[in-house]
Amino acid sequence: MGVMQRVVVSGKVHQVGFRDYTIRKAQALGVTGWVRNRQDGTVEVMVSGEDEAVAALVEACREGPPLSRVDHVEAFVEDGQPVKGFTKRFTA
């Protein structure tokens, strides 16, 4: 049984490779979903997969890539259909 979570990451998370970092981690963990910048300066991630893999991606978001500074991570359980692959979406 899998889980789906929406993750919102705040801090210095734009223009530091955060989305590409998240995609690499997601692919390595075998989860699906998407990542996008938001106009308020946060990064939003929708992730679905096995519980442990989703939890591992949320933890990776707490670390972030080397140039980032993560101040806060919120994760919410979501309902919905998982998507295929893991993609970068346009800023919302």
PDB file of N, CA and C in Angstrom:
ATOM      1  N   MET A   1       0.851  -1.198   0.000  1.00  0.00           N
ATOM      2  CA  MET A   1       0.000   0.000   0.000  1.00  0.00           C
ATOM      3  C   MET A   1       0.881   1.240   0.000  1.00  0.00           C
ATOM      4  N   GLY A   2       0.584   2.175  -0.846  1.00  0.00           N
ATOM      5  CA  GLY A   2       1.399   3.374  -0.948  1.00  0.00           C
ATOM      6  C   GLY A   2       0.733   4.569  -0.296  1.00  0.00           C
ATOM      7  N   VAL A   3       1.444   5.669  -0.331  1.00  0.00           N
ATOM      8  CA  VAL A   3       0.971   6.907   0.260  1.00  0.00           C
ATOM      9  C   VAL A   3       1.282   8.050  -0.693  1.00  0.00           C
ATOM     10  N   MET A   4       0.498   9.125  -0.612  1.00  0.00           N
ATOM     11  CA  MET A   4       0.770  10.326  -1.398  1.00  0.00           C
ATOM     12  C   MET A   4       0.876  11.504  -0.438  1.00  0.00           C
ATOM     13  N   GLN A   5       1.899  12.324  -0.631  1.00  0.00           N
ATOM     14  CA  GLN A   5       2.076  13.494   0.219  1.00  0.00           C
ATOM     15  C   GLN A   5       2.392  14.723  -0.615  1.00  0.00           C
ATOM     16  N   ARG A   6       1.885  15.875  -0.146  1.00  0.00           N
ATOM     17  CA  ARG A   6       2.257  17.181  -0.691  1.00  0.00           C
ATOM     18  C   ARG A   6       3.266  17.771   0.296  1.00  0.00           C
ATOM     19  N   VAL A   7       4.385  18.234  -0.224  1.00  0.00           N
ATOM     20  CA  VAL A   7       5.455  18.770   0.615  1.00  0.00           C
ATOM     21  C   VAL A   7       5.719  20.209   0.178  1.00  0.00           C
ATOM     22  N   VAL A   8       5.786  21.125   1.128  1.00  0.00           N
ATOM     23  CA  VAL A   8       6.099  22.519   0.841  1.00  0.00           C
ATOM     24  C   VAL A   8       7.387  22.869   1.593  1.00  0.00           C
ATOM     25  N   VAL A   9       8.390  23.305   0.841  1.00  0.00           N
ATOM     26  CA  VAL A   9       9.715  23.581   1.399  1.00  0.00           C
ATOM     27  C   VAL A   9       9.975  25.079   1.298  1.00  0.00           C
ATOM     28  N   SER A  10      10.328  25.697   2.427  1.00  0.00           N
ATOM     29  CA  SER A  10      10.645  27.124   2.408  1.00  0.00           C
ATOM     30  C   SER A  10      12.070  27.351   2.876  1.00  0.00           C
ATOM     31  N   GLY A  11      12.601  28.503   2.502  1.00  0.00           N
ATOM     32  CA  GLY A  11      13.993  28.852   2.787  1.00  0.00           C
ATOM     33  C   GLY A  11      14.618  29.383   1.506  1.00  0.00           C
ATOM     34  N   LYS A  12      15.918  29.175   1.364  1.00  0.00           N
ATOM     35  CA  LYS A  12      16.596  29.538   0.109  1.00  0.00           C
ATOM     36  C   LYS A  12      16.535  28.305  -0.788  1.00  0.00           C
ATOM     37  N   VAL A  13      15.428  28.197  -1.526  1.00  0.00           N
ATOM     38  CA  VAL A  13      15.191  26.980  -2.301  1.00  0.00           C
ATOM     39  C   VAL A  13      14.957  27.243  -3.788  1.00  0.00           C
ATOM     40  N   HIS A  14      15.026  28.509  -4.216  1.00  0.00           N
ATOM     41  CA  HIS A  14      14.947  28.829  -5.649  1.00  0.00           C
ATOM     42  C   HIS A  14      16.350  29.142  -6.164  1.00  0.00           C
ATOM     43  N   GLN A  15      16.621  28.764  -7.403  1.00  0.00           N
ATOM     44  CA  GLN A  15      17.892  29.039  -8.083  1.00  0.00           C
ATOM     45  C   GLN A  15      19.094  28.418  -7.371  1.00  0.00           C
ATOM     46  N   VAL A  16      18.857  27.271  -6.737  1.00  0.00           N
ATOM     47  CA  VAL A  16      19.954  26.541  -6.086  1.00  0.00           C
ATOM     48  C   VAL A  16      19.964  25.071  -6.522  1.00  0.00           C
ATOM     49  N   GLY A  17      19.178  24.732  -7.568  1.00  0.00           N
ATOM     50  CA  GLY A  17      19.126  23.359  -8.060  1.00  0.00           C
ATOM     51  C   GLY A  17      18.215  22.459  -7.258  1.00  0.00           C
ATOM     52  N   PHE A  18      17.291  23.044  -6.495  1.00  0.00           N
ATOM     53  CA  PHE A  18      16.445  22.234  -5.612  1.00  0.00           C
ATOM     54  C   PHE A  18      15.545  21.273  -6.385  1.00  0.00           C
ATOM     55  N   ARG A  19      14.956  21.747  -7.496  1.00  0.00           N
ATOM     56  CA  ARG A  19      14.057  20.871  -8.259  1.00  0.00           C
ATOM     57  C   ARG A  19      14.816  19.699  -8.868  1.00  0.00           C
ATOM     58  N   ASP A  20      15.975  19.972  -9.475  1.00  0.00           N
ATOM     59  CA  ASP A  20      16.756  18.881 -10.070  1.00  0.00           C
ATOM     60  C   ASP A  20      17.234  17.899  -9.000  1.00  0.00           C
ATOM     61  N   TYR A  21      17.633  18.418  -7.859  1.00  0.00           N
ATOM     62  CA  TYR A  21      18.032  17.581  -6.722  1.00  0.00           C
ATOM     63  C   TYR A  21      16.879  16.657  -6.319  1.00  0.00           C
ATOM     64  N   THR A  22      15.672  17.231  -6.222  1.00  0.00           N
ATOM     65  CA  THR A  22      14.496  16.454  -5.823  1.00  0.00           C
ATOM     66  C   THR A  22      14.193  15.366  -6.845  1.00  0.00           C
ATOM     67  N   ILE A  23      14.309  15.701  -8.132  1.00  0.00           N
ATOM     68  CA  ILE A  23      14.062  14.711  -9.188  1.00  0.00           C
ATOM     69  C   ILE A  23      15.055  13.558  -9.087  1.00  0.00           C
ATOM     70  N   ARG A  24      16.336  13.871  -8.900  1.00  0.00           N
ATOM     71  CA  ARG A  24      17.345  12.807  -8.773  1.00  0.00           C
ATOM     72  C   ARG A  24      17.039  11.906  -7.584  1.00  0.00           C
ATOM     73  N   LYS A  25      16.714  12.486  -6.445  1.00  0.00           N
ATOM     74  CA  LYS A  25      16.393  11.700  -5.245  1.00  0.00           C
ATOM     75  C   LYS A  25      15.154  10.842  -5.481  1.00  0.00           C
ATOM     76  N   ALA A  26      14.124  11.431  -6.110  1.00  0.00           N
ATOM     77  CA  ALA A  26      12.878  10.702  -6.367  1.00  0.00           C
ATOM     78  C   ALA A  26      13.121   9.501  -7.269  1.00  0.00           C
ATOM     79  N   GLN A  27      13.913   9.711  -8.325  1.00  0.00           N
ATOM     80  CA  GLN A  27      14.203   8.611  -9.249  1.00  0.00           C
ATOM     81  C   GLN A  27      14.990   7.512  -8.549  1.00  0.00           C
ATOM     82  N   ALA A  28      15.920   7.892  -7.699  1.00  0.00           N
ATOM     83  CA  ALA A  28      16.713   6.904  -6.964  1.00  0.00           C
ATOM     84  C   ALA A  28      15.841   6.099  -5.995  1.00  0.00           C
ATOM     85  N   LEU A  29      14.814   6.749  -5.440  1.00  0.00           N
ATOM     86  CA  LEU A  29      13.935   6.094  -4.466  1.00  0.00           C
ATOM     87  C   LEU A  29      12.774   5.346  -5.127  1.00  0.00           C
ATOM     88  N   GLY A  30      12.560   5.593  -6.424  1.00  0.00           N
ATOM     89  CA  GLY A  30      11.484   4.914  -7.135  1.00  0.00           C
ATOM     90  C   GLY A  30      10.095   5.459  -6.841  1.00  0.00           C
ATOM     91  N   VAL A  31      10.013   6.717  -6.422  1.00  0.00           N
ATOM     92  CA  VAL A  31       8.707   7.340  -6.189  1.00  0.00           C
ATOM     93  C   VAL A  31       8.282   8.123  -7.430  1.00  0.00           C
ATOM     94  N   THR A  32       6.998   8.462  -7.512  1.00  0.00           N
ATOM     95  CA  THR A  32       6.498   9.245  -8.626  1.00  0.00           C
ATOM     96  C   THR A  32       5.924  10.559  -8.109  1.00  0.00           C
ATOM     97  N   GLY A  33       5.721  11.494  -9.028  1.00  0.00           N
ATOM     98  CA  GLY A  33       5.148  12.771  -8.641  1.00  0.00           C
ATOM     99  C   GLY A  33       5.728  13.906  -9.444  1.00  0.00           C
ATOM    100  N   TRP A  34       5.791  15.083  -8.818  1.00  0.00           N
ATOM    101  CA  TRP A  34       6.312  16.272  -9.498  1.00  0.00           C
ATOM    102  C   TRP A  34       6.832  17.268  -8.482  1.00  0.00           C
ATOM    103  N   VAL A  35       7.592  18.240  -9.008  1.00  0.00           N
ATOM    104  CA  VAL A  35       8.147  19.312  -8.183  1.00  0.00           C
ATOM    105  C   VAL A  35       8.024  20.614  -8.964  1.00  0.00           C
ATOM    106  N   ARG A  36       7.739  21.710  -8.265  1.00  0.00           N
ATOM    107  CA  ARG A  36       7.664  23.014  -8.928  1.00  0.00           C
ATOM    108  C   ARG A  36       7.998  24.122  -7.935  1.00  0.00           C
ATOM    109  N   ASN A  37       8.509  25.225  -8.492  1.00  0.00           N
ATOM    110  CA  ASN A  37       8.666  26.443  -7.699  1.00  0.00           C
ATOM    111  C   ASN A  37       7.297  27.098  -7.551  1.00  0.00           C
ATOM    112  N   ARG A  38       7.109  27.820  -6.465  1.00  0.00           N
ATOM    113  CA  ARG A  38       5.896  28.617  -6.301  1.00  0.00           C
ATOM    114  C   ARG A  38       6.287  30.082  -6.205  1.00  0.00           C
ATOM    115  N   GLN A  39       5.378  30.941  -6.630  1.00  0.00           N
ATOM    116  CA  GLN A  39       5.678  32.372  -6.690  1.00  0.00           C
ATOM    117  C   GLN A  39       5.991  32.954  -5.313  1.00  0.00           C
ATOM    118  N   ASP A  40       5.565  32.290  -4.246  1.00  0.00           N
ATOM    119  CA  ASP A  40       5.843  32.799  -2.898  1.00  0.00           C
ATOM    120  C   ASP A  40       7.252  32.447  -2.412  1.00  0.00           C
ATOM    121  N   GLY A  41       8.056  31.830  -3.302  1.00  0.00           N
ATOM    122  CA  GLY A  41       9.434  31.521  -2.947  1.00  0.00           C
ATOM    123  C   GLY A  41       9.643  30.130  -2.374  1.00  0.00           C
ATOM    124  N   THR A  42       8.562  29.346  -2.267  1.00  0.00           N
ATOM    125  CA  THR A  42       8.695  27.981  -1.776  1.00  0.00           C
ATOM    126  C   THR A  42       8.810  27.007  -2.946  1.00  0.00           C
ATOM    127  N   VAL A  43       9.130  25.771  -2.621  1.00  0.00           N
ATOM    128  CA  VAL A  43       9.097  24.674  -3.588  1.00  0.00           C
ATOM    129  C   VAL A  43       8.009  23.716  -3.122  1.00  0.00           C
ATOM    130  N   GLU A  44       7.192  23.268  -4.070  1.00  0.00           N
ATOM    131  CA  GLU A  44       6.117  22.331  -3.770  1.00  0.00           C
ATOM    132  C   GLU A  44       6.435  21.000  -4.437  1.00  0.00           C
ATOM    133  N   VAL A  45       6.255  19.930  -3.694  1.00  0.00           N
ATOM    134  CA  VAL A  45       6.526  18.578  -4.189  1.00  0.00           C
ATOM    135  C   VAL A  45       5.280  17.729  -3.945  1.00  0.00           C
ATOM    136  N   MET A  46       4.852  16.994  -4.954  1.00  0.00           N
ATOM    137  CA  MET A  46       3.815  15.980  -4.778  1.00  0.00           C
ATOM    138  C   MET A  46       4.503  14.646  -5.020  1.00  0.00           C
ATOM    139  N   VAL A  47       4.419  13.756  -4.053  1.00  0.00           N
ATOM    140  CA  VAL A  47       5.152  12.499  -4.151  1.00  0.00           C
ATOM    141  C   VAL A  47       4.259  11.340  -3.740  1.00  0.00           C
ATOM    142  N   SER A  48       4.347  10.238  -4.477  1.00  0.00           N
ATOM    143  CA  SER A  48       3.608   9.041  -4.107  1.00  0.00           C
ATOM    144  C   SER A  48       4.495   7.822  -4.287  1.00  0.00           C
ATOM    145  N   GLY A  49       4.231   6.821  -3.468  1.00  0.00           N
ATOM    146  CA  GLY A  49       5.004   5.591  -3.515  1.00  0.00           C
ATOM    147  C   GLY A  49       4.871   4.846  -2.207  1.00  0.00           C
ATOM    148  N   GLU A  50       5.771   3.898  -2.005  1.00  0.00           N
ATOM    149  CA  GLU A  50       5.782   3.145  -0.754  1.00  0.00           C
ATOM    150  C   GLU A  50       6.102   4.082   0.407  1.00  0.00           C
ATOM    151  N   ASP A  51       5.512   3.790   1.562  1.00  0.00           N
ATOM    152  CA  ASP A  51       5.647   4.658   2.738  1.00  0.00           C
ATOM    153  C   ASP A  51       7.096   5.052   3.025  1.00  0.00           C
ATOM    154  N   GLU A  52       7.990   4.069   3.055  1.00  0.00           N
ATOM    155  CA  GLU A  52       9.385   4.342   3.421  1.00  0.00           C
ATOM    156  C   GLU A  52      10.075   5.221   2.385  1.00  0.00           C
ATOM    157  N   ALA A  53       9.783   4.991   1.109  1.00  0.00           N
ATOM    158  CA  ALA A  53      10.403   5.775   0.037  1.00  0.00           C
ATOM    159  C   ALA A  53       9.906   7.220   0.070  1.00  0.00           C
ATOM    160  N   VAL A  54       8.605   7.411   0.318  1.00  0.00           N
ATOM    161  CA  VAL A  54       8.053   8.759   0.417  1.00  0.00           C
ATOM    162  C   VAL A  54       8.670   9.480   1.612  1.00  0.00           C
ATOM    163  N   ALA A  55       8.767   8.789   2.738  1.00  0.00           N
ATOM    164  CA  ALA A  55       9.379   9.383   3.932  1.00  0.00           C
ATOM    165  C   ALA A  55      10.836   9.761   3.661  1.00  0.00           C
ATOM    166  N   ALA A  56      11.542   8.940   2.904  1.00  0.00           N
ATOM    167  CA  ALA A  56      12.944   9.219   2.577  1.00  0.00           C
ATOM    168  C   ALA A  56      13.057  10.464   1.692  1.00  0.00           C
ATOM    169  N   LEU A  57      12.106  10.644   0.770  1.00  0.00           N
ATOM    170  CA  LEU A  57      12.153  11.846  -0.075  1.00  0.00           C
ATOM    171  C   LEU A  57      11.848  13.096   0.755  1.00  0.00           C
ATOM    172  N   VAL A  58      10.898  13.001   1.676  1.00  0.00           N
ATOM    173  CA  VAL A  58      10.601  14.136   2.555  1.00  0.00           C
ATOM    174  C   VAL A  58      11.849  14.500   3.359  1.00  0.00           C
ATOM    175  N   GLU A  59      12.562  13.495   3.844  1.00  0.00           N
ATOM    176  CA  GLU A  59      13.809  13.756   4.584  1.00  0.00           C
ATOM    177  C   GLU A  59      14.853  14.413   3.683  1.00  0.00           C
ATOM    178  N   ALA A  60      14.938  13.957   2.426  1.00  0.00           N
ATOM    179  CA  ALA A  60      15.879  14.563   1.480  1.00  0.00           C
ATOM    180  C   ALA A  60      15.536  16.034   1.261  1.00  0.00           C
ATOM    181  N   CYS A  61      14.243  16.355   1.244  1.00  0.00           N
ATOM    182  CA  CYS A  61      13.815  17.750   1.089  1.00  0.00           C
ATOM    183  C   CYS A  61      14.236  18.585   2.301  1.00  0.00           C
ATOM    184  N   ARG A  62      14.312  17.960   3.460  1.00  0.00           N
ATOM    185  CA  ARG A  62      14.756  18.685   4.661  1.00  0.00           C
ATOM    186  C   ARG A  62      16.241  19.065   4.553  1.00  0.00           C
ATOM    187  N   GLU A  63      17.002  18.249   3.819  1.00  0.00           N
ATOM    188  CA  GLU A  63      18.431  18.533   3.625  1.00  0.00           C
ATOM    189  C   GLU A  63      18.634  19.519   2.481  1.00  0.00           C
ATOM    190  N   GLY A  64      18.109  19.189   1.322  1.00  0.00           N
ATOM    191  CA  GLY A  64      18.275  20.025   0.144  1.00  0.00           C
ATOM    192  C   GLY A  64      19.666  19.914  -0.443  1.00  0.00           C
ATOM    193  N   PRO A  65      19.851  20.498  -1.633  1.00  0.00           N
ATOM    194  CA  PRO A  65      21.172  20.483  -2.276  1.00  0.00           C
ATOM    195  C   PRO A  65      22.127  21.437  -1.563  1.00  0.00           C
ATOM    196  N   PRO A  66      23.434  21.344  -1.877  1.00  0.00           N
ATOM    197  CA  PRO A  66      24.454  22.115  -1.142  1.00  0.00           C
ATOM    198  C   PRO A  66      24.223  23.620  -1.065  1.00  0.00           C
ATOM    199  N   LEU A  67      23.711  24.258  -2.111  1.00  0.00           N
ATOM    200  CA  LEU A  67      23.573  25.714  -2.106  1.00  0.00           C
ATOM    201  C   LEU A  67      22.280  26.195  -1.446  1.00  0.00           C
ATOM    202  N   SER A  68      21.410  25.252  -1.090  1.00  0.00           N
ATOM    203  CA  SER A  68      20.118  25.643  -0.513  1.00  0.00           C
ATOM    204  C   SER A  68      20.236  25.851   0.999  1.00  0.00           C
ATOM    205  N   ARG A  69      19.215  26.487   1.541  1.00  0.00           N
ATOM    206  CA  ARG A  69      19.055  26.572   2.994  1.00  0.00           C
ATOM    207  C   ARG A  69      17.578  26.299   3.274  1.00  0.00           C
ATOM    208  N   VAL A  70      17.297  25.152   3.851  1.00  0.00           N
ATOM    209  CA  VAL A  70      15.920  24.772   4.134  1.00  0.00           C
ATOM    210  C   VAL A  70      15.551  25.260   5.524  1.00  0.00           C
ATOM    211  N   ASP A  71      14.536  26.124   5.583  1.00  0.00           N
ATOM    212  CA  ASP A  71      14.071  26.656   6.873  1.00  0.00           C
ATOM    213  C   ASP A  71      12.911  25.846   7.432  1.00  0.00           C
ATOM    214  N   HIS A  72      12.033  25.377   6.557  1.00  0.00           N
ATOM    215  CA  HIS A  72      10.819  24.721   7.034  1.00  0.00           C
ATOM    216  C   HIS A  72      10.294  23.751   5.984  1.00  0.00           C
ATOM    217  N   VAL A  73       9.832  22.603   6.431  1.00  0.00           N
ATOM    218  CA  VAL A  73       9.219  21.615   5.542  1.00  0.00           C
ATOM    219  C   VAL A  73       7.882  21.204   6.141  1.00  0.00           C
ATOM    220  N   GLU A  74       6.833  21.338   5.344  1.00  0.00           N
ATOM    221  CA  GLU A  74       5.513  20.865   5.754  1.00  0.00           C
ATOM    222  C   GLU A  74       5.122  19.725   4.828  1.00  0.00           C
ATOM    223  N   ALA A  75       4.618  18.639   5.394  1.00  0.00           N
ATOM    224  CA  ALA A  75       4.168  17.504   4.592  1.00  0.00           C
ATOM    225  C   ALA A  75       2.733  17.170   4.971  1.00  0.00           C
ATOM    226  N   PHE A  76       1.896  17.024   3.961  1.00  0.00           N
ATOM    227  CA  PHE A  76       0.481  16.745   4.153  1.00  0.00           C
ATOM    228  C   PHE A  76       0.114  15.491   3.376  1.00  0.00           C
ATOM    229  N   VAL A  77      -0.651  14.594   3.979  1.00  0.00           N
ATOM    230  CA  VAL A  77      -1.159  13.431   3.258  1.00  0.00           C
ATOM    231  C   VAL A  77      -2.225  13.910   2.280  1.00  0.00           C
ATOM    232  N   GLU A  78      -2.161  13.417   1.050  1.00  0.00           N
ATOM    233  CA  GLU A  78      -3.088  13.824  -0.012  1.00  0.00           C
ATOM    234  C   GLU A  78      -3.844  12.612  -0.534  1.00  0.00           C
ATOM    235  N   ASP A  79      -5.033  12.865  -1.050  1.00  0.00           N
ATOM    236  CA  ASP A  79      -5.776  11.857  -1.798  1.00  0.00           C
ATOM    237  C   ASP A  79      -5.571  12.136  -3.269  1.00  0.00           C
ATOM    238  N   GLY A  80      -5.700  11.116  -4.082  1.00  0.00           N
ATOM    239  CA  GLY A  80      -5.580  11.326  -5.517  1.00  0.00           C
ATOM    240  C   GLY A  80      -4.880  10.168  -6.173  1.00  0.00           C
ATOM    241  N   GLN A  81      -4.813  10.249  -7.488  1.00  0.00           N
ATOM    242  CA  GLN A  81      -4.182   9.202  -8.272  1.00  0.00           C
ATOM    243  C   GLN A  81      -2.699   9.523  -8.480  1.00  0.00           C
ATOM    244  N   PRO A  82      -1.829   8.550  -8.245  1.00  0.00           N
ATOM    245  CA  PRO A  82      -0.404   8.767  -8.528  1.00  0.00           C
ATOM    246  C   PRO A  82      -0.192   9.038 -10.013  1.00  0.00           C
ATOM    247  N   VAL A  83       0.848   9.783 -10.311  1.00  0.00           N
ATOM    248  CA  VAL A  83       1.211  10.042 -11.702  1.00  0.00           C
ATOM    249  C   VAL A  83       2.366   9.140 -12.089  1.00  0.00           C
ATOM    250  N   LYS A  84       2.646   9.056 -13.367  1.00  0.00           N
ATOM    251  CA  LYS A  84       3.789   8.263 -13.834  1.00  0.00           C
ATOM    252  C   LYS A  84       5.042   9.133 -13.821  1.00  0.00           C
ATOM    253  N   GLY A  85       6.161   8.546 -13.453  1.00  0.00           N
ATOM    254  CA  GLY A  85       7.421   9.260 -13.482  1.00  0.00           C
ATOM    255  C   GLY A  85       7.511  10.345 -12.414  1.00  0.00           C
ATOM    256  N   PHE A  86       8.542  11.152 -12.537  1.00  0.00           N
ATOM    257  CA  PHE A  86       8.724  12.292 -11.625  1.00  0.00           C
ATOM    258  C   PHE A  86       9.202  13.461 -12.451  1.00  0.00           C
ATOM    259  N   THR A  87       8.412  14.539 -12.504  1.00  0.00           N
ATOM    260  CA  THR A  87       8.664  15.605 -13.448  1.00  0.00           C
ATOM    261  C   THR A  87       8.768  16.962 -12.765  1.00  0.00           C
ATOM    262  N   LYS A  88       9.319  17.905 -13.514  1.00  0.00           N
ATOM    263  CA  LYS A  88       9.377  19.295 -13.099  1.00  0.00           C
ATOM    264  C   LYS A  88       8.210  20.010 -13.734  1.00  0.00           C
ATOM    265  N   ARG A  89       7.434  20.732 -12.936  1.00  0.00           N
ATOM    266  CA  ARG A  89       6.292  21.476 -13.468  1.00  0.00           C
ATOM    267  C   ARG A  89       6.593  22.965 -13.467  1.00  0.00           C
ATOM    268  N   PHE A  90       5.767  23.706 -14.220  1.00  0.00           N
ATOM    269  CA  PHE A  90       5.924  25.154 -14.288  1.00  0.00           C
ATOM    270  C   PHE A  90       5.622  25.798 -12.941  1.00  0.00           C
ATOM    271  N   THR A  91       6.215  26.938 -12.700  1.00  0.00           N
ATOM    272  CA  THR A  91       5.979  27.704 -11.483  1.00  0.00           C
ATOM    273  C   THR A  91       4.484  28.018 -11.350  1.00  0.00           C
ATOM    274  N   ALA A  92       3.991  27.901 -10.131  1.00  0.00           N
ATOM    275  CA  ALA A  92       2.571  28.173  -9.872  1.00  0.00           C
ATOM    276  C   ALA A  92       2.422  29.354  -8.929  1.00  0.00           C
TER     277      ALA A  92
END
